[in-house]
Amino acid sequence: MTSKTMPETFAGPLTEPCVITDTFCSELALVESIGPCLRLTFAVAQTIHGCDGASERTVVAKVVIPAEAVASLLRQISGPAKSVGLARGSNEPRTLVN
């Protein structure tokens, strides 16, 4: 397996001292500019029960990142690896490929 390096704008090792839960998102619903940062609002589409099959988009996560990090984010997303991080309980990088 190959691994990607951390973006050059961030120094130091990636750690996860406590478990951060994954959140499923089906869409990037909104991008807002907040000074030098962007707020990315993610949502999931779901059916509203009892409303004749009507659906809604429910916000499930909001992430604020420096606007300058967007280029690095796009490079990492468009690369061959699907997920890069740490193996649990380790400082060794892991990469999940297809």
N, C-alpha and C. Protein backbone atom coordinates (compact mmCIF):
# COMPACT_ATOMS: atom_id res chain seq x y z
N MET A 1 0.83 -1.18 0.00
CA MET A 1 0.00 0.00 0.00
C MET A 1 0.88 1.24 0.00
N THR A 2 0.36 2.28 -0.61
CA THR A 2 1.06 3.55 -0.58
C THR A 2 0.42 4.44 0.46
N SER A 3 1.13 5.44 0.90
CA SER A 3 0.53 6.39 1.84
C SER A 3 0.83 7.80 1.38
N LYS A 4 -0.05 8.69 1.71
CA LYS A 4 0.14 10.09 1.38
C LYS A 4 0.75 10.79 2.57
N THR A 5 1.49 11.82 2.31
CA THR A 5 2.04 12.60 3.41
C THR A 5 1.02 13.65 3.82
N MET A 6 1.21 14.17 5.01
CA MET A 6 0.32 15.22 5.48
C MET A 6 0.57 16.48 4.67
N PRO A 7 -0.46 17.33 4.53
CA PRO A 7 -0.27 18.57 3.80
C PRO A 7 0.85 19.39 4.40
N GLU A 8 1.59 20.08 3.55
CA GLU A 8 2.74 20.84 4.01
C GLU A 8 2.38 21.99 4.96
N THR A 9 1.13 22.40 5.00
CA THR A 9 0.74 23.50 5.87
C THR A 9 0.56 23.05 7.31
N PHE A 10 0.54 21.74 7.58
CA PHE A 10 0.34 21.23 8.92
C PHE A 10 1.58 20.47 9.36
N ALA A 11 2.12 20.86 10.49
CA ALA A 11 3.35 20.21 10.99
C ALA A 11 2.99 19.22 12.08
N GLY A 12 3.84 18.24 12.25
CA GLY A 12 3.68 17.29 13.34
C GLY A 12 2.88 16.08 12.94
N PRO A 13 2.91 15.06 13.81
CA PRO A 13 2.19 13.82 13.52
C PRO A 13 0.69 13.98 13.72
N LEU A 14 -0.07 13.14 13.05
CA LEU A 14 -1.52 13.11 13.22
C LEU A 14 -1.83 12.17 14.38
N THR A 15 -2.54 12.66 15.38
CA THR A 15 -2.91 11.81 16.52
C THR A 15 -4.42 11.84 16.71
N GLU A 16 -4.94 10.82 17.35
CA GLU A 16 -6.35 10.73 17.71
C GLU A 16 -6.42 10.19 19.13
N PRO A 17 -6.23 11.07 20.12
CA PRO A 17 -6.15 10.61 21.51
C PRO A 17 -7.45 9.99 22.02
N CYS A 18 -8.57 10.35 21.45
CA CYS A 18 -9.83 9.70 21.78
C CYS A 18 -10.55 9.42 20.46
N VAL A 19 -11.44 8.46 20.46
CA VAL A 19 -12.13 8.06 19.24
C VAL A 19 -13.07 9.17 18.77
N ILE A 20 -12.91 9.55 17.50
CA ILE A 20 -13.81 10.51 16.86
C ILE A 20 -14.73 9.71 15.96
N THR A 21 -16.02 9.82 16.16
CA THR A 21 -16.95 9.01 15.38
C THR A 21 -17.05 9.50 13.94
N ASP A 22 -17.25 8.57 13.04
CA ASP A 22 -17.49 8.89 11.64
C ASP A 22 -18.93 9.36 11.49
N THR A 23 -19.15 10.27 10.55
CA THR A 23 -20.49 10.75 10.26
C THR A 23 -20.75 10.56 8.78
N PHE A 24 -21.79 9.82 8.42
CA PHE A 24 -22.13 9.62 7.02
C PHE A 24 -22.80 10.87 6.48
N CYS A 25 -22.35 11.31 5.32
CA CYS A 25 -22.92 12.47 4.63
C CYS A 25 -23.17 12.07 3.19
N SER A 26 -24.30 12.50 2.63
CA SER A 26 -24.57 12.19 1.24
C SER A 26 -24.32 13.38 0.33
N GLU A 27 -24.09 14.56 0.92
CA GLU A 27 -23.82 15.73 0.09
C GLU A 27 -23.15 16.85 0.86
N LEU A 28 -22.42 17.66 0.12
CA LEU A 28 -21.92 18.93 0.64
C LEU A 28 -23.04 19.92 0.33
N ALA A 29 -23.74 20.38 1.36
CA ALA A 29 -24.95 21.17 1.16
C ALA A 29 -24.70 22.67 1.07
N LEU A 30 -23.65 23.16 1.73
CA LEU A 30 -23.45 24.60 1.79
C LEU A 30 -21.99 24.90 2.07
N VAL A 31 -21.47 25.93 1.43
CA VAL A 31 -20.12 26.43 1.72
C VAL A 31 -20.26 27.91 2.06
N GLU A 32 -19.80 28.28 3.24
CA GLU A 32 -19.88 29.68 3.68
C GLU A 32 -18.49 30.21 3.97
N SER A 33 -18.27 31.46 3.62
CA SER A 33 -17.01 32.12 3.91
C SER A 33 -17.12 32.81 5.26
N ILE A 34 -16.17 32.51 6.15
CA ILE A 34 -16.14 33.12 7.48
C ILE A 34 -14.72 33.67 7.66
N GLY A 35 -14.53 34.92 7.30
CA GLY A 35 -13.19 35.51 7.37
C GLY A 35 -12.22 34.72 6.51
N PRO A 36 -11.10 34.27 7.09
CA PRO A 36 -10.11 33.51 6.32
C PRO A 36 -10.44 32.01 6.24
N CYS A 37 -11.62 31.62 6.71
CA CYS A 37 -12.00 30.20 6.75
C CYS A 37 -13.24 29.94 5.92
N LEU A 38 -13.49 28.67 5.66
CA LEU A 38 -14.71 28.22 5.02
C LEU A 38 -15.43 27.26 5.95
N ARG A 39 -16.75 27.40 6.05
CA ARG A 39 -17.56 26.43 6.79
C ARG A 39 -18.22 25.53 5.76
N LEU A 40 -17.92 24.24 5.84
CA LEU A 40 -18.52 23.25 4.95
C LEU A 40 -19.64 22.56 5.72
N THR A 41 -20.85 22.65 5.21
CA THR A 41 -22.01 22.04 5.85
C THR A 41 -22.40 20.80 5.05
N PHE A 42 -22.41 19.65 5.72
CA PHE A 42 -22.73 18.38 5.09
C PHE A 42 -24.10 17.92 5.53
N ALA A 43 -24.81 17.25 4.62
CA ALA A 43 -26.17 16.81 4.91
C ALA A 43 -26.39 15.39 4.39
N VAL A 44 -27.52 14.84 4.80
CA VAL A 44 -27.96 13.55 4.31
C VAL A 44 -29.43 13.68 3.93
N ALA A 45 -29.81 13.07 2.82
CA ALA A 45 -31.21 13.10 2.38
C ALA A 45 -31.95 11.98 3.08
N GLN A 46 -33.14 12.28 3.55
CA GLN A 46 -33.93 11.24 4.21
C GLN A 46 -35.41 11.49 4.00
N THR A 47 -36.18 10.43 4.12
CA THR A 47 -37.62 10.51 3.96
C THR A 47 -38.25 10.96 5.27
N ILE A 48 -39.22 11.88 5.18
CA ILE A 48 -39.95 12.33 6.36
C ILE A 48 -41.10 11.36 6.58
N HIS A 49 -41.05 10.63 7.68
CA HIS A 49 -42.08 9.63 7.96
C HIS A 49 -43.42 10.31 8.23
N GLY A 50 -44.48 9.75 7.65
CA GLY A 50 -45.81 10.28 7.85
C GLY A 50 -46.15 11.46 6.95
N CYS A 51 -45.32 11.74 5.98
CA CYS A 51 -45.56 12.88 5.08
C CYS A 51 -45.63 12.44 3.62
N ASP A 52 -46.27 11.29 3.37
CA ASP A 52 -46.48 10.79 2.01
C ASP A 52 -45.21 10.72 1.18
N GLY A 53 -44.12 10.28 1.80
CA GLY A 53 -42.88 10.07 1.07
C GLY A 53 -42.07 11.32 0.80
N ALA A 54 -42.44 12.45 1.40
CA ALA A 54 -41.66 13.67 1.21
C ALA A 54 -40.26 13.46 1.79
N SER A 55 -39.31 14.17 1.25
CA SER A 55 -37.94 14.03 1.76
C SER A 55 -37.39 15.39 2.18
N GLU A 56 -36.32 15.33 2.97
CA GLU A 56 -35.66 16.54 3.42
C GLU A 56 -34.16 16.30 3.46
N ARG A 57 -33.40 17.36 3.51
CA ARG A 57 -31.95 17.29 3.65
C ARG A 57 -31.63 17.73 5.07
N THR A 58 -31.07 16.82 5.86
CA THR A 58 -30.78 17.08 7.26
C THR A 58 -29.29 17.31 7.44
N VAL A 59 -28.94 18.42 8.08
CA VAL A 59 -27.54 18.72 8.37
C VAL A 59 -27.02 17.72 9.39
N VAL A 60 -25.86 17.12 9.09
CA VAL A 60 -25.26 16.15 10.00
C VAL A 60 -23.88 16.56 10.48
N ALA A 61 -23.24 17.51 9.80
CA ALA A 61 -21.90 17.94 10.22
C ALA A 61 -21.56 19.30 9.61
N LYS A 62 -20.81 20.09 10.38
CA LYS A 62 -20.26 21.35 9.90
C LYS A 62 -18.78 21.34 10.23
N VAL A 63 -17.95 21.64 9.23
CA VAL A 63 -16.51 21.64 9.41
C VAL A 63 -15.98 23.00 8.97
N VAL A 64 -15.17 23.63 9.81
CA VAL A 64 -14.56 24.92 9.48
C VAL A 64 -13.08 24.67 9.20
N ILE A 65 -12.63 25.10 8.01
CA ILE A 65 -11.23 24.93 7.63
C ILE A 65 -10.69 26.24 7.08
N PRO A 66 -9.38 26.46 7.19
CA PRO A 66 -8.79 27.64 6.57
C PRO A 66 -9.00 27.57 5.05
N ALA A 67 -9.37 28.66 4.44
CA ALA A 67 -9.60 28.68 2.99
C ALA A 67 -8.37 28.22 2.22
N GLU A 68 -7.20 28.53 2.74
CA GLU A 68 -5.96 28.14 2.07
C GLU A 68 -5.75 26.62 2.06
N ALA A 69 -6.48 25.88 2.90
CA ALA A 69 -6.34 24.43 2.95
C ALA A 69 -7.19 23.72 1.90
N VAL A 70 -8.04 24.44 1.21
CA VAL A 70 -8.95 23.83 0.23
C VAL A 70 -8.17 23.16 -0.90
N ALA A 71 -7.12 23.80 -1.40
CA ALA A 71 -6.34 23.21 -2.49
C ALA A 71 -5.75 21.87 -2.06
N SER A 72 -5.22 21.79 -0.85
CA SER A 72 -4.67 20.55 -0.33
C SER A 72 -5.77 19.50 -0.16
N LEU A 73 -6.92 19.92 0.33
CA LEU A 73 -8.06 19.02 0.50
C LEU A 73 -8.47 18.41 -0.84
N LEU A 74 -8.56 19.24 -1.86
CA LEU A 74 -8.95 18.76 -3.19
C LEU A 74 -7.92 17.80 -3.76
N ARG A 75 -6.63 18.09 -3.56
CA ARG A 75 -5.57 17.18 -4.02
C ARG A 75 -5.69 15.82 -3.35
N GLN A 76 -5.94 15.82 -2.05
CA GLN A 76 -6.04 14.56 -1.32
C GLN A 76 -7.27 13.77 -1.73
N ILE A 77 -8.39 14.45 -1.95
CA ILE A 77 -9.62 13.77 -2.35
C ILE A 77 -9.48 13.17 -3.75
N SER A 78 -8.81 13.87 -4.65
CA SER A 78 -8.71 13.39 -6.03
C SER A 78 -7.61 12.36 -6.23
N GLY A 79 -6.81 12.10 -5.18
CA GLY A 79 -5.74 11.12 -5.28
C GLY A 79 -6.27 9.70 -5.27
N PRO A 80 -5.39 8.70 -5.42
CA PRO A 80 -5.83 7.31 -5.51
C PRO A 80 -6.31 6.72 -4.19
N ALA A 81 -5.83 7.22 -3.05
CA ALA A 81 -6.23 6.66 -1.76
C ALA A 81 -7.60 7.19 -1.36
N LYS A 82 -8.41 6.33 -0.78
CA LYS A 82 -9.75 6.72 -0.34
C LYS A 82 -9.75 7.27 1.07
N SER A 83 -8.80 6.85 1.89
CA SER A 83 -8.77 7.32 3.27
C SER A 83 -7.34 7.22 3.78
N VAL A 84 -6.88 8.26 4.43
CA VAL A 84 -5.54 8.25 4.99
C VAL A 84 -5.65 8.66 6.45
N GLY A 85 -4.98 7.96 7.32
CA GLY A 85 -5.02 8.31 8.73
C GLY A 85 -4.06 7.44 9.50
N LEU A 86 -4.35 7.24 10.77
CA LEU A 86 -3.49 6.41 11.61
C LEU A 86 -4.18 5.10 11.91
N ALA A 87 -3.39 4.04 11.95
CA ALA A 87 -3.91 2.79 12.44
C ALA A 87 -4.19 2.98 13.93
N ARG A 88 -5.29 2.50 14.42
CA ARG A 88 -5.67 2.70 15.81
C ARG A 88 -4.57 2.23 16.75
N GLY A 89 -4.22 3.09 17.71
CA GLY A 89 -3.20 2.75 18.68
C GLY A 89 -1.78 2.81 18.13
N SER A 90 -1.60 3.51 17.01
CA SER A 90 -0.29 3.53 16.37
C SER A 90 -0.01 4.92 15.83
N ASN A 91 1.27 5.20 15.64
CA ASN A 91 1.66 6.45 14.97
C ASN A 91 1.99 6.18 13.51
N GLU A 92 1.74 4.95 13.06
CA GLU A 92 2.02 4.58 11.68
C GLU A 92 0.85 4.95 10.79
N PRO A 93 1.10 5.62 9.64
CA PRO A 93 0.02 5.96 8.73
C PRO A 93 -0.62 4.71 8.14
N ARG A 94 -1.91 4.80 7.86
CA ARG A 94 -2.60 3.72 7.15
C ARG A 94 -3.28 4.34 5.96
N THR A 95 -3.43 3.58 4.91
CA THR A 95 -4.12 4.04 3.71
C THR A 95 -5.08 2.95 3.28
N LEU A 96 -6.31 3.33 3.04
CA LEU A 96 -7.29 2.39 2.52
C LEU A 96 -7.44 2.67 1.04
N VAL A 97 -7.20 1.67 0.23
CA VAL A 97 -7.29 1.82 -1.22
C VAL A 97 -8.45 0.98 -1.69
N ASN A 98 -9.31 1.60 -2.50
CA ASN A 98 -10.51 0.94 -3.05
C ASN A 98 -10.83 -0.28 -2.25
